Amino acid sequence: MAKHRDKAWYDAELDRLDALIRADRADEALALVAALAAGAAGDPAQPLGPPTLAGLPRRLHAARLRLARAEGDMVAKLGWQATQGPGPETLLPLARFTADERAEAGRLGRAPVPRLLHQIWIGELPPPPALAAWRDWCAGHGRDYLLWDEAALARIGAPDHPAYRAMLAAGDFPGAVDVARYLVLQAQGGIYLDADFHPNPGGGDFDDYLPAHGLSALAEDVPRVTGRGPVLMTNALISTPAGHPVMAALLRIMPEAVRQLPRAPAWWVTGPLVFTLLARLCPLGVAAHDIIAGRLPRRAPAEALGQFRDSSGLLIDWKSW
C-alpha cells in the first residue's frame, strides 16, 4: 500500500521544486514532478489538488507552467495555461439552463443595466483607497455607489448560502466575494467591480466600453479550455440587469461544485470558470479590451497611478494591499 504523505511534506517538496526551477535545473524539476504525481496518485485527500485537464494534480500543473515560463517556451506555456482548469466533464453537466431561464436570458439581453456600481470588501484588512476613489468617481458620473461589507451582505442572506459559508470557513475571502457578487447582482443589478481596480481619471465612463443592456463581462487575455470554447470570462467586472438567470443558476450550482471539488481553487468552483460556463449559454456582451488602461505591480505607490492619466482605458489594475 502506498504511503500517503501529509500536506506539510508536499508543501516542502513543492518549495524544493520551485528552487529547482529558479536554478534552471529543468531535468531535476521534471523528475520531481513525476515522482510527486506518482506519490500523490490514489490519495483521497488530494494533497496536490484535483486533476487538471492535462491530468496532473493542480499544484503540479502550476509548477509545470512556472517551468515553461522560466525556460521561455511559449508553446509549452500556452499549453499549460490553456489546460489549467478541470476536464470539461467535471463542471459542465452542472451548468445548464431550463427552457424558461434561456428565454428570460434572451429577454433581459434587451433590458437596461441600472446605473449602480457595486464593490465588496470583507475580512480584516483595511479597505484599499480604490474604493473611496470609485465612490467619488460615481458621484461625478451620475452613478450610485454601494460598498458591501459582511454586515450588509448578511442583510441579503449571504451567510445562508452554503458556498459563501464554505469559502469563509476556509479563509478564502476572494471565493466568498465571488458568491457575494452574484447575490448582489441577482438582487439589484448594476455593475460589479473588484476592489483591485482604480479609476483612471481621464478614462471616460463604463458606457464607453460596455453595452448598457443585458449581461456583459470582461474576457481574460489567456485562452482556457472550458467546454464552452477557449474564452474565459473574468467575473471581476460584470454588468447586468437584476434577476438575470446566470446569477440564479450560479447560486444554484455552486454548492454542488464546491462539494464535488473540495480542494479546487475558487476560480474553478465560484469564480471565472463556473461563471463562464453559464454566461456562454446566453446573449453576452464583452467589454472593450482597452477598458484596462494599464497594470501596476502589487503594492506600487499611489503616485504611480498618474502615469496613466493621458491613457485610454477606465480601469487601472492595482492591488494596493
C-alpha atoms as a PDB file:
ATOM      1  CA  MET A   1       0.000   0.000   0.000  1.00  0.00           C
ATOM      2  CA  ALA A   2       1.331   3.424  -0.978  1.00  0.00           C
ATOM      3  CA  LYS A   3       2.321   5.668   1.905  1.00  0.00           C
ATOM      4  CA  HIS A   4       0.257   8.859   1.970  1.00  0.00           C
ATOM      5  CA  ARG A   5       2.197  11.954   2.984  1.00  0.00           C
ATOM      6  CA  ASP A   6       0.693  14.935   4.768  1.00  0.00           C
ATOM      7  CA  LYS A   7       0.229  18.421   3.326  1.00  0.00           C
ATOM      8  CA  ALA A   8       3.313  19.808   5.111  1.00  0.00           C
ATOM      9  CA  TRP A   9       5.523  17.229   3.405  1.00  0.00           C
ATOM     10  CA  TYR A  10       4.114  18.081  -0.013  1.00  0.00           C
ATOM     11  CA  ASP A  11       4.456  21.812   0.676  1.00  0.00           C
ATOM     12  CA  ALA A  12       8.140  21.301   1.433  1.00  0.00           C
ATOM     13  CA  GLU A  13       8.595  19.272  -1.752  1.00  0.00           C
ATOM     14  CA  LEU A  14       6.888  21.972  -3.794  1.00  0.00           C
ATOM     15  CA  ASP A  15       9.268  24.527  -2.285  1.00  0.00           C
ATOM     16  CA  ARG A  16      12.135  22.287  -3.376  1.00  0.00           C
ATOM     17  CA  LEU A  17      10.580  22.058  -6.848  1.00  0.00           C
ATOM     18  CA  ASP A  18      10.386  25.837  -7.111  1.00  0.00           C
ATOM     19  CA  ALA A  19      14.029  26.108  -6.071  1.00  0.00           C
ATOM     20  CA  LEU A  20      14.995  23.738  -8.904  1.00  0.00           C
ATOM     21  CA  ILE A  21      13.000  25.810 -11.385  1.00  0.00           C
ATOM     22  CA  ARG A  22      14.673  29.035 -10.227  1.00  0.00           C
ATOM     23  CA  ALA A  23      18.079  27.353 -10.509  1.00  0.00           C
ATOM     24  CA  ASP A  24      17.348  26.367 -14.133  1.00  0.00           C
ATOM     25  CA  ARG A  25      17.625  22.651 -13.291  1.00  0.00           C
ATOM     26  CA  ALA A  26      14.782  21.605 -15.573  1.00  0.00           C
ATOM     27  CA  ASP A  27      15.577  17.870 -15.775  1.00  0.00           C
ATOM     28  CA  GLU A  28      15.609  17.521 -11.994  1.00  0.00           C
ATOM     29  CA  ALA A  29      12.416  19.572 -11.742  1.00  0.00           C
ATOM     30  CA  LEU A  30      10.638  17.329 -14.236  1.00  0.00           C
ATOM     31  CA  ALA A  31      11.795  14.218 -12.399  1.00  0.00           C
ATOM     32  CA  LEU A  32      10.473  15.604  -9.127  1.00  0.00           C
ATOM     33  CA  VAL A  33       7.115  16.454 -10.754  1.00  0.00           C
ATOM     34  CA  ALA A  34       6.811  12.860 -11.945  1.00  0.00           C
ATOM     35  CA  ALA A  35       7.752  11.476  -8.530  1.00  0.00           C
ATOM     36  CA  LEU A  36       5.294  13.713  -6.707  1.00  0.00           C
ATOM     37  CA  ALA A  37       2.496  12.873  -9.143  1.00  0.00           C
ATOM     38  CA  ALA A  38       3.115   9.158  -8.644  1.00  0.00           C
ATOM     39  CA  GLY A  39       3.264   9.556  -4.871  1.00  0.00           C
ATOM     40  CA  ALA A  40       0.006  11.513  -4.712  1.00  0.00           C
ATOM     41  CA  ALA A  41      -1.883   9.161  -7.040  1.00  0.00           C
ATOM     42  CA  GLY A  42      -4.705   7.398  -5.281  1.00  0.00           C
ATOM     43  CA  ASP A  43      -4.557   9.557  -2.153  1.00  0.00           C
ATOM     44  CA  PRO A  44      -8.198  10.520  -1.461  1.00  0.00           C
ATOM     45  CA  ALA A  45      -7.046  13.663   0.343  1.00  0.00           C
ATOM     46  CA  GLN A  46      -5.710  15.042  -2.960  1.00  0.00           C
ATOM     47  CA  PRO A  47      -2.795  16.817  -1.242  1.00  0.00           C
ATOM     48  CA  LEU A  48      -1.740  18.451  -4.516  1.00  0.00           C
ATOM     49  CA  GLY A  49      -5.257  19.380  -5.583  1.00  0.00           C
ATOM     50  CA  PRO A  50      -7.693  17.839  -8.049  1.00  0.00           C
ATOM     51  CA  PRO A  51      -6.511  16.917 -11.548  1.00  0.00           C
ATOM     52  CA  THR A  52      -6.494  19.441 -14.361  1.00  0.00           C
ATOM     53  CA  LEU A  53      -7.433  18.798 -17.963  1.00  0.00           C
ATOM     54  CA  ALA A  54      -3.798  17.814 -18.566  1.00  0.00           C
ATOM     55  CA  GLY A  55      -4.101  15.055 -15.969  1.00  0.00           C
ATOM     56  CA  LEU A  56      -1.730  16.488 -13.367  1.00  0.00           C
ATOM     57  CA  PRO A  57      -2.724  17.490  -9.836  1.00  0.00           C
ATOM     58  CA  ARG A  58      -3.449  21.209  -9.896  1.00  0.00           C
ATOM     59  CA  ARG A  59      -0.412  22.327  -7.883  1.00  0.00           C
ATOM     60  CA  LEU A  60       1.954  20.268 -10.058  1.00  0.00           C
ATOM     61  CA  HIS A  61       0.290  21.658 -13.165  1.00  0.00           C
ATOM     62  CA  ALA A  62       1.055  25.145 -11.847  1.00  0.00           C
ATOM     63  CA  ALA A  63       4.687  24.112 -11.357  1.00  0.00           C
ATOM     64  CA  ARG A  64       4.905  22.900 -14.970  1.00  0.00           C
ATOM     65  CA  LEU A  65       3.566  26.273 -16.074  1.00  0.00           C
ATOM     66  CA  ARG A  66       6.208  28.076 -13.983  1.00  0.00           C
ATOM     67  CA  LEU A  67       8.880  25.864 -15.534  1.00  0.00           C
ATOM     68  CA  ALA A  68       7.686  26.675 -19.071  1.00  0.00           C
ATOM     69  CA  ARG A  69       7.812  30.379 -18.236  1.00  0.00           C
ATOM     70  CA  ALA A  70      11.294  30.054 -16.764  1.00  0.00           C
ATOM     71  CA  GLU A  71      12.502  28.285 -19.902  1.00  0.00           C
ATOM     72  CA  GLY A  72      10.881  30.842 -22.189  1.00  0.00           C
ATOM     73  CA  ASP A  73       8.968  28.098 -24.002  1.00  0.00           C
ATOM     74  CA  MET A  74       5.984  29.993 -25.431  1.00  0.00           C
ATOM     75  CA  VAL A  75       4.241  26.940 -26.866  1.00  0.00           C
ATOM     76  CA  ALA A  76       4.533  24.960 -23.642  1.00  0.00           C
ATOM     77  CA  LYS A  77       3.429  27.978 -21.612  1.00  0.00           C
ATOM     78  CA  LEU A  78       0.285  28.425 -23.715  1.00  0.00           C
ATOM     79  CA  GLY A  79      -0.479  24.720 -23.462  1.00  0.00           C
ATOM     80  CA  TRP A  80      -0.170  24.633 -19.683  1.00  0.00           C
ATOM     81  CA  GLN A  81      -2.218  27.826 -19.396  1.00  0.00           C
ATOM     82  CA  ALA A  82      -4.990  26.572 -21.673  1.00  0.00           C
ATOM     83  CA  THR A  83      -5.369  23.317 -19.742  1.00  0.00           C
ATOM     84  CA  GLN A  84      -5.243  24.786 -16.219  1.00  0.00           C
ATOM     85  CA  GLY A  85      -8.889  24.056 -15.483  1.00  0.00           C
ATOM     86  CA  PRO A  86     -10.535  20.706 -14.792  1.00  0.00           C
ATOM     87  CA  GLY A  87     -11.758  18.431 -17.544  1.00  0.00           C
ATOM     88  CA  PRO A  88     -14.980  19.815 -19.061  1.00  0.00           C
ATOM     89  CA  GLU A  89     -16.876  16.759 -17.898  1.00  0.00           C
ATOM     90  CA  THR A  90     -16.332  17.835 -14.285  1.00  0.00           C
ATOM     91  CA  LEU A  91     -18.437  21.013 -14.058  1.00  0.00           C
ATOM     92  CA  LEU A  92     -20.126  21.207 -17.460  1.00  0.00           C
ATOM     93  CA  PRO A  93     -23.021  18.885 -16.512  1.00  0.00           C
ATOM     94  CA  LEU A  94     -23.990  21.297 -13.726  1.00  0.00           C
ATOM     95  CA  ALA A  95     -24.058  24.387 -15.952  1.00  0.00           C
ATOM     96  CA  ARG A  96     -27.446  24.094 -17.609  1.00  0.00           C
ATOM     97  CA  PHE A  97     -30.430  26.374 -18.199  1.00  0.00           C
ATOM     98  CA  THR A  98     -34.065  25.412 -18.192  1.00  0.00           C
ATOM     99  CA  ALA A  99     -36.092  26.498 -21.226  1.00  0.00           C
ATOM    100  CA  ASP A 100     -37.653  29.272 -19.142  1.00  0.00           C
ATOM    101  CA  GLU A 101     -34.234  30.507 -17.984  1.00  0.00           C
ATOM    102  CA  ARG A 102     -32.960  30.625 -21.555  1.00  0.00           C
ATOM    103  CA  ALA A 103     -35.983  32.642 -22.655  1.00  0.00           C
ATOM    104  CA  GLU A 104     -35.567  35.015 -19.697  1.00  0.00           C
ATOM    105  CA  ALA A 105     -31.871  35.486 -20.504  1.00  0.00           C
ATOM    106  CA  GLY A 106     -32.835  36.476 -24.031  1.00  0.00           C
ATOM    107  CA  ARG A 107     -35.422  38.955 -22.766  1.00  0.00           C
ATOM    108  CA  LEU A 108     -33.004  40.509 -20.282  1.00  0.00           C
ATOM    109  CA  GLY A 109     -30.458  40.884 -23.064  1.00  0.00           C
ATOM    110  CA  ARG A 110     -32.542  43.890 -24.078  1.00  0.00           C
ATOM    111  CA  ALA A 111     -33.096  45.240 -20.555  1.00  0.00           C
ATOM    112  CA  PRO A 112     -31.112  48.278 -19.322  1.00  0.00           C
ATOM    113  CA  VAL A 113     -28.459  47.927 -16.642  1.00  0.00           C
ATOM    114  CA  PRO A 114     -29.051  50.144 -13.581  1.00  0.00           C
ATOM    115  CA  ARG A 115     -26.560  52.990 -13.173  1.00  0.00           C
ATOM    116  CA  LEU A 116     -25.257  51.485  -9.973  1.00  0.00           C
ATOM    117  CA  LEU A 117     -21.717  50.365  -9.130  1.00  0.00           C
ATOM    118  CA  HIS A 118     -21.207  47.651  -6.518  1.00  0.00           C
ATOM    119  CA  GLN A 119     -17.988  46.750  -4.718  1.00  0.00           C
ATOM    120  CA  ILE A 120     -17.364  44.313  -1.873  1.00  0.00           C
ATOM    121  CA  TRP A 121     -14.773  44.350   0.893  1.00  0.00           C
ATOM    122  CA  ILE A 122     -14.725  41.743   3.657  1.00  0.00           C
ATOM    123  CA  GLY A 123     -12.062  40.442   6.014  1.00  0.00           C
ATOM    124  CA  GLU A 124      -9.702  42.137   8.426  1.00  0.00           C
ATOM    125  CA  LEU A 125      -7.575  44.221   6.050  1.00  0.00           C
ATOM    126  CA  PRO A 126      -8.418  47.941   5.836  1.00  0.00           C
ATOM    127  CA  PRO A 127     -10.325  48.953   2.682  1.00  0.00           C
ATOM    128  CA  PRO A 128      -7.991  49.954  -0.161  1.00  0.00           C
ATOM    129  CA  PRO A 129      -8.006  53.565  -1.422  1.00  0.00           C
ATOM    130  CA  ALA A 130      -9.574  52.497  -4.731  1.00  0.00           C
ATOM    131  CA  LEU A 131     -12.944  52.092  -3.002  1.00  0.00           C
ATOM    132  CA  ALA A 132     -13.137  55.740  -1.953  1.00  0.00           C
ATOM    133  CA  ALA A 133     -11.898  56.716  -5.414  1.00  0.00           C
ATOM    134  CA  TRP A 134     -14.769  54.831  -7.070  1.00  0.00           C
ATOM    135  CA  ARG A 135     -17.325  56.360  -4.692  1.00  0.00           C
ATOM    136  CA  ASP A 136     -16.110  59.828  -5.708  1.00  0.00           C
ATOM    137  CA  TRP A 137     -15.956  58.816  -9.366  1.00  0.00           C
ATOM    138  CA  CYS A 138     -19.588  57.670  -9.287  1.00  0.00           C
ATOM    139  CA  ALA A 139     -20.666  60.946  -7.705  1.00  0.00           C
ATOM    140  CA  GLY A 140     -19.137  62.770 -10.670  1.00  0.00           C
ATOM    141  CA  HIS A 141     -20.596  60.446 -13.332  1.00  0.00           C
ATOM    142  CA  GLY A 142     -24.232  60.185 -12.341  1.00  0.00           C
ATOM    143  CA  ARG A 143     -23.993  56.697 -10.869  1.00  0.00           C
ATOM    144  CA  ASP A 144     -24.990  55.393  -7.481  1.00  0.00           C
ATOM    145  CA  TYR A 145     -22.364  53.551  -5.449  1.00  0.00           C
ATOM    146  CA  LEU A 146     -22.746  50.741  -2.922  1.00  0.00           C
ATOM    147  CA  LEU A 147     -19.912  49.243  -0.888  1.00  0.00           C
ATOM    148  CA  TRP A 148     -20.876  45.915   0.668  1.00  0.00           C
ATOM    149  CA  ASP A 149     -19.289  44.634   3.866  1.00  0.00           C
ATOM    150  CA  GLU A 150     -20.123  41.468   5.820  1.00  0.00           C
ATOM    151  CA  ALA A 151     -22.973  43.142   7.707  1.00  0.00           C
ATOM    152  CA  ALA A 152     -24.570  44.422   4.500  1.00  0.00           C
ATOM    153  CA  LEU A 153     -24.167  41.015   2.853  1.00  0.00           C
ATOM    154  CA  ALA A 154     -25.804  39.370   5.851  1.00  0.00           C
ATOM    155  CA  ARG A 155     -28.874  41.518   5.263  1.00  0.00           C
ATOM    156  CA  ILE A 156     -29.343  39.934   1.814  1.00  0.00           C
ATOM    157  CA  GLY A 157     -28.778  36.416   3.129  1.00  0.00           C
ATOM    158  CA  ALA A 158     -25.166  35.729   2.103  1.00  0.00           C
ATOM    159  CA  PRO A 159     -24.403  33.659   5.249  1.00  0.00           C
ATOM    160  CA  ASP A 160     -27.302  31.367   4.306  1.00  0.00           C
ATOM    161  CA  HIS A 161     -25.587  30.332   1.069  1.00  0.00           C
ATOM    162  CA  PRO A 162     -23.531  27.125   1.508  1.00  0.00           C
ATOM    163  CA  ALA A 163     -20.750  28.164  -0.886  1.00  0.00           C
ATOM    164  CA  TYR A 164     -20.319  31.535   0.852  1.00  0.00           C
ATOM    165  CA  ARG A 165     -20.072  29.798   4.223  1.00  0.00           C
ATOM    166  CA  ALA A 166     -17.644  27.201   2.856  1.00  0.00           C
ATOM    167  CA  MET A 167     -15.313  29.840   1.443  1.00  0.00           C
ATOM    168  CA  LEU A 168     -15.334  31.879   4.652  1.00  0.00           C
ATOM    169  CA  ALA A 169     -14.678  28.744   6.708  1.00  0.00           C
ATOM    170  CA  ALA A 170     -11.649  28.018   4.513  1.00  0.00           C
ATOM    171  CA  GLY A 171     -10.376  31.592   4.908  1.00  0.00           C
ATOM    172  CA  ASP A 172     -10.860  32.114   1.170  1.00  0.00           C
ATOM    173  CA  PHE A 173     -12.165  35.686   1.114  1.00  0.00           C
ATOM    174  CA  PRO A 174     -11.913  36.037  -2.704  1.00  0.00           C
ATOM    175  CA  GLY A 175     -14.050  32.903  -3.053  1.00  0.00           C
ATOM    176  CA  ALA A 176     -16.609  34.286  -0.607  1.00  0.00           C
ATOM    177  CA  VAL A 177     -16.674  37.546  -2.575  1.00  0.00           C
ATOM    178  CA  ASP A 178     -17.322  35.518  -5.741  1.00  0.00           C
ATOM    179  CA  VAL A 179     -20.523  34.198  -4.219  1.00  0.00           C
ATOM    180  CA  ALA A 180     -21.485  37.562  -2.745  1.00  0.00           C
ATOM    181  CA  ARG A 181     -21.277  39.391  -6.074  1.00  0.00           C
ATOM    182  CA  TYR A 182     -23.823  37.046  -7.647  1.00  0.00           C
ATOM    183  CA  LEU A 183     -26.212  37.591  -4.723  1.00  0.00           C
ATOM    184  CA  VAL A 184     -25.850  41.376  -5.034  1.00  0.00           C
ATOM    185  CA  LEU A 185     -26.320  41.411  -8.808  1.00  0.00           C
ATOM    186  CA  GLN A 186     -29.238  38.997  -8.660  1.00  0.00           C
ATOM    187  CA  ALA A 187     -30.987  41.280  -6.182  1.00  0.00           C
ATOM    188  CA  GLN A 188     -30.217  44.718  -7.624  1.00  0.00           C
ATOM    189  CA  GLY A 189     -28.419  44.532 -10.956  1.00  0.00           C
ATOM    190  CA  GLY A 190     -25.858  47.113 -11.987  1.00  0.00           C
ATOM    191  CA  ILE A 191     -22.094  46.815 -12.415  1.00  0.00           C
ATOM    192  CA  TYR A 192     -19.945  44.798 -10.048  1.00  0.00           C
ATOM    193  CA  LEU A 193     -16.223  45.681  -9.986  1.00  0.00           C
ATOM    194  CA  ASP A 194     -13.412  44.074  -7.986  1.00  0.00           C
ATOM    195  CA  ALA A 195     -11.589  46.221  -5.458  1.00  0.00           C
ATOM    196  CA  ASP A 196      -8.236  45.818  -7.228  1.00  0.00           C
ATOM    197  CA  PHE A 197      -9.162  48.292  -9.954  1.00  0.00           C
ATOM    198  CA  HIS A 198      -8.662  52.052  -9.597  1.00  0.00           C
ATOM    199  CA  PRO A 199     -10.430  54.584 -11.848  1.00  0.00           C
ATOM    200  CA  ASN A 200      -8.367  56.320 -14.480  1.00  0.00           C
ATOM    201  CA  PRO A 201      -9.415  59.994 -14.243  1.00  0.00           C
ATOM    202  CA  GLY A 202      -9.307  60.525 -17.995  1.00  0.00           C
ATOM    203  CA  GLY A 203     -10.781  57.171 -18.916  1.00  0.00           C
ATOM    204  CA  GLY A 204     -14.387  58.113 -19.634  1.00  0.00           C
ATOM    205  CA  ASP A 205     -17.368  56.106 -18.370  1.00  0.00           C
ATOM    206  CA  PHE A 206     -18.395  52.464 -18.385  1.00  0.00           C
ATOM    207  CA  ASP A 207     -20.800  53.235 -21.232  1.00  0.00           C
ATOM    208  CA  ASP A 208     -17.765  53.846 -23.453  1.00  0.00           C
ATOM    209  CA  TYR A 209     -16.621  50.241 -23.007  1.00  0.00           C
ATOM    210  CA  LEU A 210     -19.648  48.126 -22.060  1.00  0.00           C
ATOM    211  CA  PRO A 211     -23.132  47.635 -23.534  1.00  0.00           C
ATOM    212  CA  ALA A 212     -25.737  49.411 -21.415  1.00  0.00           C
ATOM    213  CA  HIS A 213     -28.158  46.483 -21.793  1.00  0.00           C
ATOM    214  CA  GLY A 214     -28.068  42.812 -20.888  1.00  0.00           C
ATOM    215  CA  LEU A 215     -25.241  40.769 -19.392  1.00  0.00           C
ATOM    216  CA  SER A 216     -21.652  41.848 -20.101  1.00  0.00           C
ATOM    217  CA  ALA A 217     -18.261  40.948 -18.665  1.00  0.00           C
ATOM    218  CA  LEU A 218     -14.535  41.241 -19.253  1.00  0.00           C
ATOM    219  CA  ALA A 219     -12.689  38.468 -21.097  1.00  0.00           C
ATOM    220  CA  GLU A 220      -9.375  37.104 -19.835  1.00  0.00           C
ATOM    221  CA  ASP A 221      -6.356  37.604 -22.090  1.00  0.00           C
ATOM    222  CA  VAL A 222      -5.268  33.953 -21.746  1.00  0.00           C
ATOM    223  CA  PRO A 223      -7.312  31.262 -23.522  1.00  0.00           C
ATOM    224  CA  ARG A 224      -8.552  28.337 -21.416  1.00  0.00           C
ATOM    225  CA  VAL A 225     -10.297  25.131 -22.413  1.00  0.00           C
ATOM    226  CA  THR A 226     -13.654  25.437 -20.636  1.00  0.00           C
ATOM    227  CA  GLY A 227     -16.028  23.214 -22.545  1.00  0.00           C
ATOM    228  CA  ARG A 228     -17.731  26.332 -23.947  1.00  0.00           C
ATOM    229  CA  GLY A 229     -14.863  27.382 -26.195  1.00  0.00           C
ATOM    230  CA  PRO A 230     -11.463  28.907 -25.405  1.00  0.00           C
ATOM    231  CA  VAL A 231     -12.636  32.244 -23.951  1.00  0.00           C
ATOM    232  CA  LEU A 232     -12.599  32.572 -20.172  1.00  0.00           C
ATOM    233  CA  MET A 233     -14.734  35.427 -18.876  1.00  0.00           C
ATOM    234  CA  THR A 234     -13.450  37.054 -15.719  1.00  0.00           C
ATOM    235  CA  ASN A 235     -16.027  37.813 -13.035  1.00  0.00           C
ATOM    236  CA  ALA A 236     -14.010  40.821 -11.855  1.00  0.00           C
ATOM    237  CA  LEU A 237     -16.302  43.071 -13.926  1.00  0.00           C
ATOM    238  CA  ILE A 238     -19.921  42.064 -14.522  1.00  0.00           C
ATOM    239  CA  SER A 239     -22.714  44.289 -15.812  1.00  0.00           C
ATOM    240  CA  THR A 240     -26.294  43.022 -15.704  1.00  0.00           C
ATOM    241  CA  PRO A 241     -29.937  43.825 -15.087  1.00  0.00           C
ATOM    242  CA  ALA A 242     -31.360  42.445 -11.843  1.00  0.00           C
ATOM    243  CA  GLY A 243     -32.714  38.913 -11.778  1.00  0.00           C
ATOM    244  CA  HIS A 244     -30.544  37.510 -14.573  1.00  0.00           C
ATOM    245  CA  PRO A 245     -30.760  33.705 -14.889  1.00  0.00           C
ATOM    246  CA  VAL A 246     -26.960  33.405 -14.925  1.00  0.00           C
ATOM    247  CA  MET A 247     -26.827  34.736 -11.363  1.00  0.00           C
ATOM    248  CA  ALA A 248     -29.673  32.491 -10.234  1.00  0.00           C
ATOM    249  CA  ALA A 249     -28.083  29.438 -11.849  1.00  0.00           C
ATOM    250  CA  LEU A 250     -24.688  30.217 -10.326  1.00  0.00           C
ATOM    251  CA  LEU A 251     -26.202  30.444  -6.869  1.00  0.00           C
ATOM    252  CA  ARG A 252     -27.957  27.143  -7.503  1.00  0.00           C
ATOM    253  CA  ILE A 253     -24.981  25.095  -8.732  1.00  0.00           C
ATOM    254  CA  MET A 254     -22.045  26.451  -6.698  1.00  0.00           C
ATOM    255  CA  PRO A 255     -22.726  24.329  -3.593  1.00  0.00           C
ATOM    256  CA  GLU A 256     -22.555  21.175  -5.709  1.00  0.00           C
ATOM    257  CA  ALA A 257     -19.427  22.409  -7.496  1.00  0.00           C
ATOM    258  CA  VAL A 258     -17.719  23.014  -4.140  1.00  0.00           C
ATOM    259  CA  ARG A 259     -18.889  19.605  -2.886  1.00  0.00           C
ATOM    260  CA  GLN A 260     -17.594  17.769  -5.944  1.00  0.00           C
ATOM    261  CA  LEU A 261     -14.224  19.571  -5.948  1.00  0.00           C
ATOM    262  CA  PRO A 262     -13.438  20.291  -2.288  1.00  0.00           C
ATOM    263  CA  ARG A 263      -9.766  21.143  -2.905  1.00  0.00           C
ATOM    264  CA  ALA A 264     -10.325  23.104  -6.084  1.00  0.00           C
ATOM    265  CA  PRO A 265      -9.300  26.776  -6.341  1.00  0.00           C
ATOM    266  CA  ALA A 266     -12.064  29.344  -6.140  1.00  0.00           C
ATOM    267  CA  TRP A 267     -11.634  30.291  -9.791  1.00  0.00           C
ATOM    268  CA  TRP A 268     -12.929  26.835 -10.734  1.00  0.00           C
ATOM    269  CA  VAL A 269     -15.959  26.484  -8.461  1.00  0.00           C
ATOM    270  CA  THR A 270     -17.117  30.038  -7.613  1.00  0.00           C
ATOM    271  CA  GLY A 271     -15.162  32.311  -9.944  1.00  0.00           C
ATOM    272  CA  PRO A 272     -14.398  32.807 -13.635  1.00  0.00           C
ATOM    273  CA  LEU A 273     -14.729  29.192 -14.808  1.00  0.00           C
ATOM    274  CA  VAL A 274     -18.169  28.398 -13.434  1.00  0.00           C
ATOM    275  CA  PHE A 275     -19.304  31.924 -14.381  1.00  0.00           C
ATOM    276  CA  THR A 276     -18.109  31.363 -17.952  1.00  0.00           C
ATOM    277  CA  LEU A 277     -19.884  28.027 -18.266  1.00  0.00           C
ATOM    278  CA  LEU A 278     -23.222  29.715 -17.609  1.00  0.00           C
ATOM    279  CA  ALA A 279     -22.588  33.123 -19.202  1.00  0.00           C
ATOM    280  CA  ARG A 280     -21.752  31.479 -22.538  1.00  0.00           C
ATOM    281  CA  LEU A 281     -25.260  29.979 -22.643  1.00  0.00           C
ATOM    282  CA  CYS A 282     -26.935  33.347 -23.218  1.00  0.00           C
ATOM    283  CA  PRO A 283     -26.508  36.605 -25.156  1.00  0.00           C
ATOM    284  CA  LEU A 284     -23.320  38.084 -23.731  1.00  0.00           C
ATOM    285  CA  GLY A 285     -21.531  41.383 -24.231  1.00  0.00           C
ATOM    286  CA  VAL A 286     -17.748  41.549 -23.971  1.00  0.00           C
ATOM    287  CA  ALA A 287     -16.066  44.645 -22.565  1.00  0.00           C
ATOM    288  CA  ALA A 288     -13.787  46.541 -24.917  1.00  0.00           C
ATOM    289  CA  HIS A 289     -10.252  45.258 -24.489  1.00  0.00           C
ATOM    290  CA  ASP A 290      -8.827  48.726 -23.888  1.00  0.00           C
ATOM    291  CA  ILE A 291     -11.027  49.280 -20.827  1.00  0.00           C
ATOM    292  CA  ILE A 292      -7.831  48.316 -18.953  1.00  0.00           C
ATOM    293  CA  ALA A 293      -5.648  51.417 -19.017  1.00  0.00           C
ATOM    294  CA  GLY A 294      -2.676  49.582 -17.514  1.00  0.00           C
ATOM    295  CA  ARG A 295      -1.359  47.482 -14.656  1.00  0.00           C
ATOM    296  CA  LEU A 296       0.815  48.272 -11.678  1.00  0.00           C
ATOM    297  CA  PRO A 297       2.868  45.880  -9.545  1.00  0.00           C
ATOM    298  CA  ARG A 298       1.280  44.832  -6.291  1.00  0.00           C
ATOM    299  CA  ARG A 299       1.732  47.473  -3.543  1.00  0.00           C
ATOM    300  CA  ALA A 300       3.081  50.007  -6.026  1.00  0.00           C
ATOM    301  CA  PRO A 301       2.902  53.552  -4.584  1.00  0.00           C
ATOM    302  CA  ALA A 302      -0.215  55.576  -5.327  1.00  0.00           C
ATOM    303  CA  GLU A 303       1.933  58.129  -7.178  1.00  0.00           C
ATOM    304  CA  ALA A 304       2.385  55.550  -9.957  1.00  0.00           C
ATOM    305  CA  LEU A 305      -1.293  55.916 -10.914  1.00  0.00           C
ATOM    306  CA  GLY A 306      -0.502  59.264 -12.525  1.00  0.00           C
ATOM    307  CA  GLN A 307       1.351  57.662 -15.438  1.00  0.00           C
ATOM    308  CA  PHE A 308      -1.999  56.553 -16.928  1.00  0.00           C
ATOM    309  CA  ARG A 309      -3.713  59.938 -16.781  1.00  0.00           C
ATOM    310  CA  ASP A 310      -3.371  60.517 -20.533  1.00  0.00           C
ATOM    311  CA  SER A 311      -4.051  56.882 -21.468  1.00  0.00           C
ATOM    312  CA  SER A 312      -7.253  55.456 -22.886  1.00  0.00           C
ATOM    313  CA  GLY A 313      -8.994  52.980 -20.644  1.00  0.00           C
ATOM    314  CA  LEU A 314     -11.045  53.314 -17.489  1.00  0.00           C
ATOM    315  CA  LEU A 315      -9.527  50.688 -15.191  1.00  0.00           C
ATOM    316  CA  ILE A 316      -6.067  50.605 -13.640  1.00  0.00           C
ATOM    317  CA  ASP A 317      -5.268  47.142 -12.320  1.00  0.00           C
ATOM    318  CA  TRP A 318      -3.625  47.794  -8.938  1.00  0.00           C
ATOM    319  CA  LYS A 319      -3.633  45.698  -5.790  1.00  0.00           C
ATOM    320  CA  SER A 320      -2.503  48.270  -3.239  1.00  0.00           C
ATOM    321  CA  TRP A 321      -2.620  45.810  -0.315  1.00  0.00           C
END
